[in-house]
Amino acid sequence: MYTRRELGKLAITALPAATLLRSGVFAQSKPNSKVRGVMIGMNVPYNFGGRTAPVDEIIDKCVQLGVSGLELRTQPVEAFLGLPDALVTAAAAPAGRNAQPSTPEQDAARKAAADEIRKWRLAVPMDKAQALRKKFEDAGILVEIVKVDNILSMADEVIDYEFRLAKALGARAISTEITHIDPKAPPTGPLPEKRLGAFADKHNLMVGYHGHAETSPKEWKEVFSYARHNGANLDIGHFIVGNKTSPVPFLKEQHDRITHVHVKDRKLDGANVPFGTGDTPIKEVLQLIRDNKWPIQATIEFEYPVPAGSDRMTELKKCVEYCRAALA
């Protein structure tokens, strides 16, 4: 004869591991991706294949990957807060090379939808965002960075909303794209990062400007000069491709301005490749952050092609384990 507890144990051992994971039997432990003081983060939902996804799906995948720190885009946040998807779709401009020119009527409809989104943003209560923060934190996940697309072109009151939203989520920084400067046509006045930097200083919240291969240390330093809270989201893969040198000296020099690094592996010829097979000094960068105890999230950004016979989650797990091993 067995006790009820013993029967429960026997039932568990008879189930396959995948079933147990789906049922939540082994899903009680919270993820922890902080290794020797360095938070291994995840750019979401971008790493999962898009700009938006249901919040519960994001949390579930992060738990599966054992990731406890995020750079989270605002699209899934605002969807959770109740922004109608129909408005988002109506406000979107045509995209792609084959997009047809819009008619005046279509332009007017987009403008009307964008105005409705602006009104919604200015009215949404921040206690909903605080509830979302709790939802993530109850799962063991911190939203450390909030990615805001196109913030440089937003109206002042909407920029203010984005900073309040990031704070309500518990973030320590906002991230967005840096202005790409054309060397053949340099700007005649301050970049829009000067205006955004004033909001960053007002809210005492860093902005990490994400650079691509076109971005050099010169552009970042110009932006840094505009505001105390203007910083860098240093993409170490893009850096080596565009600057043909290691990002380590820039990291050492400007570490107090770097909110997070995007971890990816690229070859000097530009190819995105699995971690450990390219020219990006991933281990050196991670260990430098570790040894100096800098509060810089090491945010995985998944961009290499998924190999035949594998899938995105399997490859993301490999990326996480590569970073863990580098920091051990």
C-alpha atoms as a PDB file:
ATOM      1  CA  MET A   1       0.000   0.000   0.000  1.00  0.00           C
ATOM      2  CA  TYR A   2       1.185   3.539  -0.804  1.00  0.00           C
ATOM      3  CA  THR A   3       0.465   6.820   0.918  1.00  0.00           C
ATOM      4  CA  ARG A   4      -1.109   9.616  -1.104  1.00  0.00           C
ATOM      5  CA  ARG A   5       2.249  11.417  -1.243  1.00  0.00           C
ATOM      6  CA  GLU A   6       4.019   8.289  -2.520  1.00  0.00           C
ATOM      7  CA  LEU A   7       1.369   7.776  -5.179  1.00  0.00           C
ATOM      8  CA  GLY A   8       1.910  11.373  -6.304  1.00  0.00           C
ATOM      9  CA  LYS A   9       5.640  10.770  -6.627  1.00  0.00           C
ATOM     10  CA  LEU A  10       5.053   7.645  -8.683  1.00  0.00           C
ATOM     11  CA  ALA A  11       2.703   9.535 -10.988  1.00  0.00           C
ATOM     12  CA  ILE A  12       5.303  12.223 -11.579  1.00  0.00           C
ATOM     13  CA  THR A  13       8.076   9.760 -12.390  1.00  0.00           C
ATOM     14  CA  ALA A  14       5.818   8.098 -14.932  1.00  0.00           C
ATOM     15  CA  LEU A  15       5.311  11.321 -16.895  1.00  0.00           C
ATOM     16  CA  PRO A  16       7.723  12.457 -19.616  1.00  0.00           C
ATOM     17  CA  ALA A  17       9.701  15.615 -18.874  1.00  0.00           C
ATOM     18  CA  ALA A  18       7.986  17.652 -21.595  1.00  0.00           C
ATOM     19  CA  THR A  19       4.570  16.893 -20.084  1.00  0.00           C
ATOM     20  CA  LEU A  20       5.774  17.972 -16.656  1.00  0.00           C
ATOM     21  CA  LEU A  21       7.063  21.255 -18.054  1.00  0.00           C
ATOM     22  CA  ARG A  22       3.783  21.967 -19.827  1.00  0.00           C
ATOM     23  CA  SER A  23       1.766  21.095 -16.748  1.00  0.00           C
ATOM     24  CA  GLY A  24       3.840  23.381 -14.554  1.00  0.00           C
ATOM     25  CA  VAL A  25       4.998  20.666 -12.136  1.00  0.00           C
ATOM     26  CA  PHE A  26       8.620  21.728 -12.542  1.00  0.00           C
ATOM     27  CA  ALA A  27       7.842  25.333 -13.490  1.00  0.00           C
ATOM     28  CA  GLN A  28       7.778  26.669  -9.930  1.00  0.00           C
ATOM     29  CA  SER A  29      11.413  27.706  -9.705  1.00  0.00           C
ATOM     30  CA  LYS A  30      12.116  31.239 -10.895  1.00  0.00           C
ATOM     31  CA  PRO A  31      14.764  31.929 -13.535  1.00  0.00           C
ATOM     32  CA  ASN A  32      18.096  33.444 -12.569  1.00  0.00           C
ATOM     33  CA  SER A  33      20.441  34.580 -15.328  1.00  0.00           C
ATOM     34  CA  LYS A  34      22.668  36.785 -13.186  1.00  0.00           C
ATOM     35  CA  VAL A  35      26.091  35.128 -13.275  1.00  0.00           C
ATOM     36  CA  ARG A  36      28.806  36.494 -11.017  1.00  0.00           C
ATOM     37  CA  GLY A  37      27.098  39.866 -10.924  1.00  0.00           C
ATOM     38  CA  VAL A  38      26.347  40.167 -14.652  1.00  0.00           C
ATOM     39  CA  MET A  39      22.747  39.982 -15.808  1.00  0.00           C
ATOM     40  CA  ILE A  40      22.375  37.958 -18.998  1.00  0.00           C
ATOM     41  CA  GLY A  41      19.368  39.584 -20.621  1.00  0.00           C
ATOM     42  CA  MET A  42      17.085  38.984 -23.561  1.00  0.00           C
ATOM     43  CA  ASN A  43      15.838  41.438 -26.197  1.00  0.00           C
ATOM     44  CA  VAL A  44      12.135  40.576 -26.309  1.00  0.00           C
ATOM     45  CA  PRO A  45       9.960  39.895 -28.118  1.00  0.00           C
ATOM     46  CA  TYR A  46      12.474  40.628 -30.901  1.00  0.00           C
ATOM     47  CA  ASN A  47      14.477  37.476 -30.108  1.00  0.00           C
ATOM     48  CA  PHE A  48      11.322  35.414 -30.479  1.00  0.00           C
ATOM     49  CA  GLY A  49      10.727  36.641 -34.010  1.00  0.00           C
ATOM     50  CA  GLY A  50       8.729  39.873 -33.887  1.00  0.00           C
ATOM     51  CA  ARG A  51       8.073  43.270 -32.348  1.00  0.00           C
ATOM     52  CA  THR A  52       5.076  42.163 -30.329  1.00  0.00           C
ATOM     53  CA  ALA A  53       3.762  39.041 -28.600  1.00  0.00           C
ATOM     54  CA  PRO A  54       1.395  38.235 -25.712  1.00  0.00           C
ATOM     55  CA  VAL A  55       2.965  39.004 -22.343  1.00  0.00           C
ATOM     56  CA  ASP A  56       2.258  35.509 -21.015  1.00  0.00           C
ATOM     57  CA  GLU A  57       4.099  33.993 -23.989  1.00  0.00           C
ATOM     58  CA  ILE A  58       7.106  36.237 -23.369  1.00  0.00           C
ATOM     59  CA  ILE A  59       7.216  35.275 -19.706  1.00  0.00           C
ATOM     60  CA  ASP A  60       6.818  31.579 -20.474  1.00  0.00           C
ATOM     61  CA  LYS A  61       9.683  31.568 -22.980  1.00  0.00           C
ATOM     62  CA  CYS A  62      11.974  33.525 -20.666  1.00  0.00           C
ATOM     63  CA  VAL A  63      11.297  31.063 -17.865  1.00  0.00           C
ATOM     64  CA  GLN A  64      12.089  28.183 -20.229  1.00  0.00           C
ATOM     65  CA  LEU A  65      15.389  29.880 -21.112  1.00  0.00           C
ATOM     66  CA  GLY A  66      16.198  30.670 -17.490  1.00  0.00           C
ATOM     67  CA  VAL A  67      16.446  34.402 -18.252  1.00  0.00           C
ATOM     68  CA  SER A  68      15.629  36.898 -15.507  1.00  0.00           C
ATOM     69  CA  GLY A  69      16.482  40.268 -17.111  1.00  0.00           C
ATOM     70  CA  LEU A  70      14.886  41.922 -20.133  1.00  0.00           C
ATOM     71  CA  GLU A  71      15.056  44.652 -22.687  1.00  0.00           C
ATOM     72  CA  LEU A  72      11.324  44.818 -23.380  1.00  0.00           C
ATOM     73  CA  ARG A  73       9.686  46.640 -26.281  1.00  0.00           C
ATOM     74  CA  THR A  74       6.660  48.814 -25.637  1.00  0.00           C
ATOM     75  CA  GLN A  75       4.440  47.060 -28.210  1.00  0.00           C
ATOM     76  CA  PRO A  76       3.517  44.090 -25.969  1.00  0.00           C
ATOM     77  CA  VAL A  77       3.330  46.417 -22.961  1.00  0.00           C
ATOM     78  CA  GLU A  78       0.773  48.692 -24.600  1.00  0.00           C
ATOM     79  CA  ALA A  79      -1.193  45.716 -25.911  1.00  0.00           C
ATOM     80  CA  PHE A  80      -1.406  44.430 -22.318  1.00  0.00           C
ATOM     81  CA  LEU A  81      -2.508  47.877 -21.153  1.00  0.00           C
ATOM     82  CA  GLY A  82      -5.356  47.832 -23.663  1.00  0.00           C
ATOM     83  CA  LEU A  83      -4.208  49.767 -26.732  1.00  0.00           C
ATOM     84  CA  PRO A  84      -6.544  48.567 -29.511  1.00  0.00           C
ATOM     85  CA  ASP A  85      -4.697  46.616 -32.180  1.00  0.00           C
ATOM     86  CA  ALA A  86      -6.973  48.127 -34.828  1.00  0.00           C
ATOM     87  CA  LEU A  87      -5.590  51.590 -33.993  1.00  0.00           C
ATOM     88  CA  VAL A  88      -2.002  50.375 -34.241  1.00  0.00           C
ATOM     89  CA  THR A  89      -2.718  48.814 -37.634  1.00  0.00           C
ATOM     90  CA  ALA A  90      -4.548  51.895 -38.898  1.00  0.00           C
ATOM     91  CA  ALA A  91      -1.690  54.214 -37.877  1.00  0.00           C
ATOM     92  CA  ALA A  92       1.045  52.118 -39.507  1.00  0.00           C
ATOM     93  CA  ALA A  93       2.620  53.497 -42.669  1.00  0.00           C
ATOM     94  CA  PRO A  94       3.085  51.221 -45.715  1.00  0.00           C
ATOM     95  CA  ALA A  95       6.306  49.241 -45.423  1.00  0.00           C
ATOM     96  CA  GLY A  96       8.585  47.396 -47.815  1.00  0.00           C
ATOM     97  CA  ARG A  97      10.082  48.134 -51.197  1.00  0.00           C
ATOM     98  CA  ASN A  98       6.871  47.352 -53.040  1.00  0.00           C
ATOM     99  CA  ALA A  99       4.634  49.529 -50.879  1.00  0.00           C
ATOM    100  CA  GLN A 100       2.271  51.621 -52.975  1.00  0.00           C
ATOM    101  CA  PRO A 101       2.098  55.419 -52.508  1.00  0.00           C
ATOM    102  CA  SER A 102      -0.707  56.314 -50.138  1.00  0.00           C
ATOM    103  CA  THR A 103      -3.725  58.411 -51.082  1.00  0.00           C
ATOM    104  CA  PRO A 104      -4.714  61.606 -49.239  1.00  0.00           C
ATOM    105  CA  GLU A 105      -7.595  59.663 -47.694  1.00  0.00           C
ATOM    106  CA  GLN A 106      -5.214  56.998 -46.378  1.00  0.00           C
ATOM    107  CA  ASP A 107      -2.870  59.647 -44.996  1.00  0.00           C
ATOM    108  CA  ALA A 108      -5.781  61.301 -43.205  1.00  0.00           C
ATOM    109  CA  ALA A 109      -6.917  57.961 -41.744  1.00  0.00           C
ATOM    110  CA  ARG A 110      -3.416  57.238 -40.449  1.00  0.00           C
ATOM    111  CA  LYS A 111      -3.164  60.690 -38.898  1.00  0.00           C
ATOM    112  CA  ALA A 112      -6.527  60.232 -37.191  1.00  0.00           C
ATOM    113  CA  ALA A 113      -5.474  56.835 -35.802  1.00  0.00           C
ATOM    114  CA  ALA A 114      -2.150  58.264 -34.583  1.00  0.00           C
ATOM    115  CA  ASP A 115      -4.025  61.035 -32.788  1.00  0.00           C
ATOM    116  CA  GLU A 116      -6.261  58.471 -31.093  1.00  0.00           C
ATOM    117  CA  ILE A 117      -3.166  56.555 -29.959  1.00  0.00           C
ATOM    118  CA  ARG A 118      -1.714  59.778 -28.543  1.00  0.00           C
ATOM    119  CA  LYS A 119      -4.939  60.416 -26.594  1.00  0.00           C
ATOM    120  CA  TRP A 120      -4.943  56.836 -25.318  1.00  0.00           C
ATOM    121  CA  ARG A 121      -1.336  57.087 -24.125  1.00  0.00           C
ATOM    122  CA  LEU A 122      -1.950  60.302 -22.243  1.00  0.00           C
ATOM    123  CA  ALA A 123      -4.995  58.825 -20.495  1.00  0.00           C
ATOM    124  CA  VAL A 124      -3.845  55.292 -19.602  1.00  0.00           C
ATOM    125  CA  PRO A 125      -3.328  54.925 -15.820  1.00  0.00           C
ATOM    126  CA  MET A 126       0.167  53.938 -14.728  1.00  0.00           C
ATOM    127  CA  ASP A 127      -1.197  51.521 -12.133  1.00  0.00           C
ATOM    128  CA  LYS A 128      -1.841  49.126 -15.034  1.00  0.00           C
ATOM    129  CA  ALA A 129       1.858  49.268 -15.918  1.00  0.00           C
ATOM    130  CA  GLN A 130       2.745  48.686 -12.280  1.00  0.00           C
ATOM    131  CA  ALA A 131       0.511  45.612 -12.311  1.00  0.00           C
ATOM    132  CA  LEU A 132       2.391  44.379 -15.375  1.00  0.00           C
ATOM    133  CA  ARG A 133       5.691  44.943 -13.575  1.00  0.00           C
ATOM    134  CA  LYS A 134       4.405  42.791 -10.720  1.00  0.00           C
ATOM    135  CA  LYS A 135       3.385  40.088 -13.196  1.00  0.00           C
ATOM    136  CA  PHE A 136       6.950  39.911 -14.527  1.00  0.00           C
ATOM    137  CA  GLU A 137       8.550  40.121 -11.095  1.00  0.00           C
ATOM    138  CA  ASP A 138       6.266  37.414  -9.696  1.00  0.00           C
ATOM    139  CA  ALA A 139       7.721  35.193 -12.440  1.00  0.00           C
ATOM    140  CA  GLY A 140      11.250  36.167 -11.358  1.00  0.00           C
ATOM    141  CA  ILE A 141      11.917  38.528 -14.281  1.00  0.00           C
ATOM    142  CA  LEU A 142      13.110  42.143 -14.168  1.00  0.00           C
ATOM    143  CA  VAL A 143      12.294  44.633 -16.918  1.00  0.00           C
ATOM    144  CA  GLU A 144      15.564  46.568 -16.793  1.00  0.00           C
ATOM    145  CA  ILE A 145      15.410  48.278 -20.195  1.00  0.00           C
ATOM    146  CA  VAL A 146      12.349  49.498 -22.122  1.00  0.00           C
ATOM    147  CA  LYS A 147      12.796  49.793 -25.896  1.00  0.00           C
ATOM    148  CA  VAL A 148      10.792  52.657 -27.417  1.00  0.00           C
ATOM    149  CA  ASP A 149      10.674  52.791 -31.203  1.00  0.00           C
ATOM    150  CA  ASN A 150      10.596  56.254 -32.838  1.00  0.00           C
ATOM    151  CA  ILE A 151      10.724  58.190 -29.552  1.00  0.00           C
ATOM    152  CA  LEU A 152      12.901  60.883 -31.165  1.00  0.00           C
ATOM    153  CA  SER A 153       9.983  61.989 -33.336  1.00  0.00           C
ATOM    154  CA  MET A 154       7.300  61.902 -30.633  1.00  0.00           C
ATOM    155  CA  ALA A 155       5.554  64.965 -29.214  1.00  0.00           C
ATOM    156  CA  ASP A 156       6.788  66.260 -25.864  1.00  0.00           C
ATOM    157  CA  GLU A 157       3.800  64.997 -23.890  1.00  0.00           C
ATOM    158  CA  VAL A 158       4.151  61.515 -25.415  1.00  0.00           C
ATOM    159  CA  ILE A 159       7.880  61.398 -24.626  1.00  0.00           C
ATOM    160  CA  ASP A 160       6.971  62.264 -21.046  1.00  0.00           C
ATOM    161  CA  TYR A 161       4.493  59.359 -21.064  1.00  0.00           C
ATOM    162  CA  GLU A 162       7.187  56.954 -22.313  1.00  0.00           C
ATOM    163  CA  PHE A 163       9.472  57.879 -19.424  1.00  0.00           C
ATOM    164  CA  ARG A 164       6.651  57.487 -16.895  1.00  0.00           C
ATOM    165  CA  LEU A 165       5.811  54.119 -18.442  1.00  0.00           C
ATOM    166  CA  ALA A 166       9.421  52.918 -18.191  1.00  0.00           C
ATOM    167  CA  LYS A 167       9.579  53.965 -14.547  1.00  0.00           C
ATOM    168  CA  ALA A 168       6.297  52.207 -13.753  1.00  0.00           C
ATOM    169  CA  LEU A 169       7.746  49.009 -15.237  1.00  0.00           C
ATOM    170  CA  GLY A 170      10.788  49.327 -12.955  1.00  0.00           C
ATOM    171  CA  ALA A 171      13.259  50.031 -15.749  1.00  0.00           C
ATOM    172  CA  ARG A 172      16.556  51.795 -15.196  1.00  0.00           C
ATOM    173  CA  ALA A 173      16.854  52.919 -18.827  1.00  0.00           C
ATOM    174  CA  ILE A 174      15.031  53.504 -22.093  1.00  0.00           C
ATOM    175  CA  SER A 175      16.622  52.364 -25.343  1.00  0.00           C
ATOM    176  CA  THR A 176      16.100  53.650 -28.861  1.00  0.00           C
ATOM    177  CA  GLU A 177      18.002  54.031 -32.128  1.00  0.00           C
ATOM    178  CA  ILE A 178      20.680  56.689 -32.463  1.00  0.00           C
ATOM    179  CA  THR A 179      20.510  59.157 -35.348  1.00  0.00           C
ATOM    180  CA  HIS A 180      22.602  57.940 -38.252  1.00  0.00           C
ATOM    181  CA  ILE A 181      24.789  60.757 -39.505  1.00  0.00           C
ATOM    182  CA  ASP A 182      25.591  60.902 -43.194  1.00  0.00           C
ATOM    183  CA  PRO A 183      29.246  61.990 -43.457  1.00  0.00           C
ATOM    184  CA  LYS A 184      28.456  63.615 -46.817  1.00  0.00           C
ATOM    185  CA  ALA A 185      25.636  65.672 -45.304  1.00  0.00           C
ATOM    186  CA  PRO A 186      26.359  66.316 -41.618  1.00  0.00           C
ATOM    187  CA  PRO A 187      23.609  67.975 -39.562  1.00  0.00           C
ATOM    188  CA  THR A 188      23.655  71.754 -39.305  1.00  0.00           C
ATOM    189  CA  GLY A 189      22.342  71.815 -35.732  1.00  0.00           C
ATOM    190  CA  PRO A 190      21.977  69.642 -32.648  1.00  0.00           C
ATOM    191  CA  LEU A 191      20.694  66.120 -33.149  1.00  0.00           C
ATOM    192  CA  PRO A 192      17.234  65.195 -31.772  1.00  0.00           C
ATOM    193  CA  GLU A 193      19.064  63.352 -28.982  1.00  0.00           C
ATOM    194  CA  LYS A 194      19.596  66.758 -27.359  1.00  0.00           C
ATOM    195  CA  ARG A 195      15.846  67.212 -26.934  1.00  0.00           C
ATOM    196  CA  LEU A 196      15.399  63.659 -25.671  1.00  0.00           C
ATOM    197  CA  GLY A 197      18.338  64.067 -23.313  1.00  0.00           C
ATOM    198  CA  ALA A 198      16.524  66.932 -21.576  1.00  0.00           C
ATOM    199  CA  PHE A 199      13.671  64.530 -20.780  1.00  0.00           C
ATOM    200  CA  ALA A 200      16.173  61.921 -19.576  1.00  0.00           C
ATOM    201  CA  ASP A 201      17.733  64.426 -17.183  1.00  0.00           C
ATOM    202  CA  LYS A 202      14.291  65.573 -16.017  1.00  0.00           C
ATOM    203  CA  HIS A 203      13.228  62.004 -15.213  1.00  0.00           C
ATOM    204  CA  ASN A 204      16.669  60.931 -13.949  1.00  0.00           C
ATOM    205  CA  LEU A 205      16.521  57.930 -16.293  1.00  0.00           C
ATOM    206  CA  MET A 206      19.205  56.862 -18.771  1.00  0.00           C
ATOM    207  CA  VAL A 207      18.629  56.563 -22.499  1.00  0.00           C
ATOM    208  CA  GLY A 208      20.778  53.944 -24.212  1.00  0.00           C
ATOM    209  CA  TYR A 209      21.103  54.873 -27.890  1.00  0.00           C
ATOM    210  CA  HIS A 210      21.515  51.776 -30.023  1.00  0.00           C
ATOM    211  CA  GLY A 211      24.178  52.035 -32.689  1.00  0.00           C
ATOM    212  CA  HIS A 212      24.542  50.048 -35.879  1.00  0.00           C
ATOM    213  CA  ALA A 213      27.607  49.493 -38.043  1.00  0.00           C
ATOM    214  CA  GLU A 214      27.323  53.098 -39.237  1.00  0.00           C
ATOM    215  CA  THR A 215      27.779  54.427 -35.682  1.00  0.00           C
ATOM    216  CA  SER A 216      31.232  55.423 -34.506  1.00  0.00           C
ATOM    217  CA  PRO A 217      32.395  56.503 -31.024  1.00  0.00           C
ATOM    218  CA  LYS A 218      32.357  60.076 -32.335  1.00  0.00           C
ATOM    219  CA  GLU A 219      28.554  60.054 -32.744  1.00  0.00           C
ATOM    220  CA  TRP A 220      28.018  58.596 -29.275  1.00  0.00           C
ATOM    221  CA  LYS A 221      30.332  61.119 -27.642  1.00  0.00           C
ATOM    222  CA  GLU A 222      28.479  63.943 -29.372  1.00  0.00           C
ATOM    223  CA  VAL A 223      25.201  62.630 -27.963  1.00  0.00           C
ATOM    224  CA  PHE A 224      26.758  62.164 -24.504  1.00  0.00           C
ATOM    225  CA  SER A 225      27.688  65.854 -24.461  1.00  0.00           C
ATOM    226  CA  TYR A 226      24.024  66.873 -24.706  1.00  0.00           C
ATOM    227  CA  ALA A 227      22.787  65.417 -21.396  1.00  0.00           C
ATOM    228  CA  ARG A 228      24.009  63.617 -18.285  1.00  0.00           C
ATOM    229  CA  HIS A 229      21.574  60.762 -18.873  1.00  0.00           C
ATOM    230  CA  ASN A 230      22.352  60.193 -22.545  1.00  0.00           C
ATOM    231  CA  GLY A 231      24.105  56.846 -22.869  1.00  0.00           C
ATOM    232  CA  ALA A 232      24.801  53.992 -25.239  1.00  0.00           C
ATOM    233  CA  ASN A 233      23.332  50.611 -26.006  1.00  0.00           C
ATOM    234  CA  LEU A 234      26.616  49.214 -27.315  1.00  0.00           C
ATOM    235  CA  ASP A 235      26.008  46.514 -29.908  1.00  0.00           C
ATOM    236  CA  ILE A 236      29.368  44.753 -29.899  1.00  0.00           C
ATOM    237  CA  GLY A 237      28.659  42.847 -33.128  1.00  0.00           C
ATOM    238  CA  HIS A 238      27.725  45.955 -35.091  1.00  0.00           C
ATOM    239  CA  PHE A 239      30.709  47.786 -33.579  1.00  0.00           C
ATOM    240  CA  ILE A 240      33.352  45.406 -34.930  1.00  0.00           C
ATOM    241  CA  VAL A 241      31.775  45.349 -38.387  1.00  0.00           C
ATOM    242  CA  GLY A 242      31.485  49.116 -38.702  1.00  0.00           C
ATOM    243  CA  ASN A 243      34.639  50.204 -36.895  1.00  0.00           C
ATOM    244  CA  LYS A 244      36.857  47.214 -37.801  1.00  0.00           C
ATOM    245  CA  THR A 245      38.184  47.094 -34.261  1.00  0.00           C
ATOM    246  CA  SER A 246      37.287  45.747 -30.833  1.00  0.00           C
ATOM    247  CA  PRO A 247      34.616  47.535 -28.761  1.00  0.00           C
ATOM    248  CA  VAL A 248      36.651  46.884 -25.595  1.00  0.00           C
ATOM    249  CA  PRO A 249      38.547  50.234 -25.528  1.00  0.00           C
ATOM    250  CA  PHE A 250      35.290  52.170 -25.982  1.00  0.00           C
ATOM    251  CA  LEU A 251      33.642  50.064 -23.263  1.00  0.00           C
ATOM    252  CA  LYS A 252      36.501  50.774 -20.864  1.00  0.00           C
ATOM    253  CA  GLU A 253      36.435  54.496 -21.598  1.00  0.00           C
ATOM    254  CA  GLN A 254      32.663  55.017 -21.524  1.00  0.00           C
ATOM    255  CA  HIS A 255      31.397  52.238 -19.221  1.00  0.00           C
ATOM    256  CA  ASP A 256      29.515  54.689 -16.994  1.00  0.00           C
ATOM    257  CA  ARG A 257      27.480  55.772 -20.042  1.00  0.00           C
ATOM    258  CA  ILE A 258      26.671  52.268 -21.301  1.00  0.00           C
ATOM    259  CA  THR A 259      23.255  51.023 -20.223  1.00  0.00           C
ATOM    260  CA  HIS A 260      23.566  47.589 -21.807  1.00  0.00           C
ATOM    261  CA  VAL A 261      25.478  45.756 -24.500  1.00  0.00           C
ATOM    262  CA  HIS A 262      23.838  43.795 -27.293  1.00  0.00           C
ATOM    263  CA  VAL A 263      25.570  40.446 -27.448  1.00  0.00           C
ATOM    264  CA  LYS A 264      25.787  38.886 -30.883  1.00  0.00           C
ATOM    265  CA  ASP A 265      28.598  37.321 -32.892  1.00  0.00           C
ATOM    266  CA  ARG A 266      29.524  38.703 -36.298  1.00  0.00           C
ATOM    267  CA  LYS A 267      32.431  38.238 -38.631  1.00  0.00           C
ATOM    268  CA  LEU A 268      34.313  41.271 -39.875  1.00  0.00           C
ATOM    269  CA  ASP A 269      32.717  40.748 -43.288  1.00  0.00           C
ATOM    270  CA  GLY A 270      29.315  41.380 -41.680  1.00  0.00           C
ATOM    271  CA  ALA A 271      27.932  37.839 -41.371  1.00  0.00           C
ATOM    272  CA  ASN A 272      25.870  37.014 -38.275  1.00  0.00           C
ATOM    273  CA  VAL A 273      27.026  33.649 -36.907  1.00  0.00           C
ATOM    274  CA  PRO A 274      26.459  31.378 -33.887  1.00  0.00           C
ATOM    275  CA  PHE A 275      28.128  32.541 -30.686  1.00  0.00           C
ATOM    276  CA  GLY A 276      31.801  31.644 -30.530  1.00  0.00           C
ATOM    277  CA  THR A 277      32.310  31.288 -34.290  1.00  0.00           C
ATOM    278  CA  GLY A 278      32.774  34.932 -35.294  1.00  0.00           C
ATOM    279  CA  ASP A 279      35.163  37.818 -34.685  1.00  0.00           C
ATOM    280  CA  THR A 280      33.263  39.554 -31.872  1.00  0.00           C
ATOM    281  CA  PRO A 281      35.126  39.422 -28.517  1.00  0.00           C
ATOM    282  CA  ILE A 282      32.070  38.250 -26.570  1.00  0.00           C
ATOM    283  CA  LYS A 283      33.983  36.544 -23.766  1.00  0.00           C
ATOM    284  CA  GLU A 284      36.363  39.465 -23.279  1.00  0.00           C
ATOM    285  CA  VAL A 285      33.468  41.935 -23.076  1.00  0.00           C
ATOM    286  CA  LEU A 286      31.453  39.822 -20.629  1.00  0.00           C
ATOM    287  CA  GLN A 287      34.441  39.185 -18.396  1.00  0.00           C
ATOM    288  CA  LEU A 288      35.374  42.867 -18.433  1.00  0.00           C
ATOM    289  CA  ILE A 289      31.876  43.757 -17.185  1.00  0.00           C
ATOM    290  CA  ARG A 290      32.097  40.976 -14.592  1.00  0.00           C
ATOM    291  CA  ASP A 291      35.547  41.860 -13.277  1.00  0.00           C
ATOM    292  CA  ASN A 292      34.770  45.564 -12.962  1.00  0.00           C
ATOM    293  CA  LYS A 293      31.313  44.999 -11.476  1.00  0.00           C
ATOM    294  CA  TRP A 294      29.761  47.439 -13.952  1.00  0.00           C
ATOM    295  CA  PRO A 295      25.923  47.526 -13.877  1.00  0.00           C
ATOM    296  CA  ILE A 296      25.639  46.724 -17.591  1.00  0.00           C
ATOM    297  CA  GLN A 297      23.134  44.140 -18.797  1.00  0.00           C
ATOM    298  CA  ALA A 298      24.536  41.673 -21.338  1.00  0.00           C
ATOM    299  CA  THR A 299      21.498  41.548 -23.615  1.00  0.00           C
ATOM    300  CA  ILE A 300      21.424  38.706 -26.127  1.00  0.00           C
ATOM    301  CA  GLU A 301      20.163  39.839 -29.529  1.00  0.00           C
ATOM    302  CA  PHE A 302      19.466  36.868 -31.754  1.00  0.00           C
ATOM    303  CA  GLU A 303      20.185  37.539 -35.432  1.00  0.00           C
ATOM    304  CA  TYR A 304      22.052  34.590 -36.941  1.00  0.00           C
ATOM    305  CA  PRO A 305      20.146  32.182 -39.221  1.00  0.00           C
ATOM    306  CA  VAL A 306      18.618  29.204 -37.433  1.00  0.00           C
ATOM    307  CA  PRO A 307      20.610  26.138 -38.576  1.00  0.00           C
ATOM    308  CA  ALA A 308      18.841  23.300 -40.364  1.00  0.00           C
ATOM    309  CA  GLY A 309      17.379  20.811 -37.908  1.00  0.00           C
ATOM    310  CA  SER A 310      17.244  23.331 -35.070  1.00  0.00           C
ATOM    311  CA  ASP A 311      14.779  25.989 -33.931  1.00  0.00           C
ATOM    312  CA  ARG A 312      14.905  29.458 -32.427  1.00  0.00           C
ATOM    313  CA  MET A 313      14.408  28.413 -28.796  1.00  0.00           C
ATOM    314  CA  THR A 314      17.132  25.764 -29.044  1.00  0.00           C
ATOM    315  CA  GLU A 315      19.559  28.336 -30.456  1.00  0.00           C
ATOM    316  CA  LEU A 316      18.601  30.928 -27.835  1.00  0.00           C
ATOM    317  CA  LYS A 317      19.329  28.365 -25.129  1.00  0.00           C
ATOM    318  CA  LYS A 318      22.785  27.843 -26.668  1.00  0.00           C
ATOM    319  CA  CYS A 319      23.372  31.614 -26.599  1.00  0.00           C
ATOM    320  CA  VAL A 320      22.442  31.802 -22.929  1.00  0.00           C
ATOM    321  CA  GLU A 321      24.671  28.864 -22.042  1.00  0.00           C
ATOM    322  CA  TYR A 322      27.586  30.360 -24.004  1.00  0.00           C
ATOM    323  CA  CYS A 323      27.292  33.560 -21.961  1.00  0.00           C
ATOM    324  CA  ARG A 324      26.977  31.627 -18.707  1.00  0.00           C
ATOM    325  CA  ALA A 325      30.127  29.671 -19.483  1.00  0.00           C
ATOM    326  CA  ALA A 326      32.016  32.875 -20.379  1.00  0.00           C
ATOM    327  CA  LEU A 327      31.114  34.415 -17.030  1.00  0.00           C
ATOM    328  CA  ALA A 328      31.646  31.329 -14.850  1.00  0.00           C
END
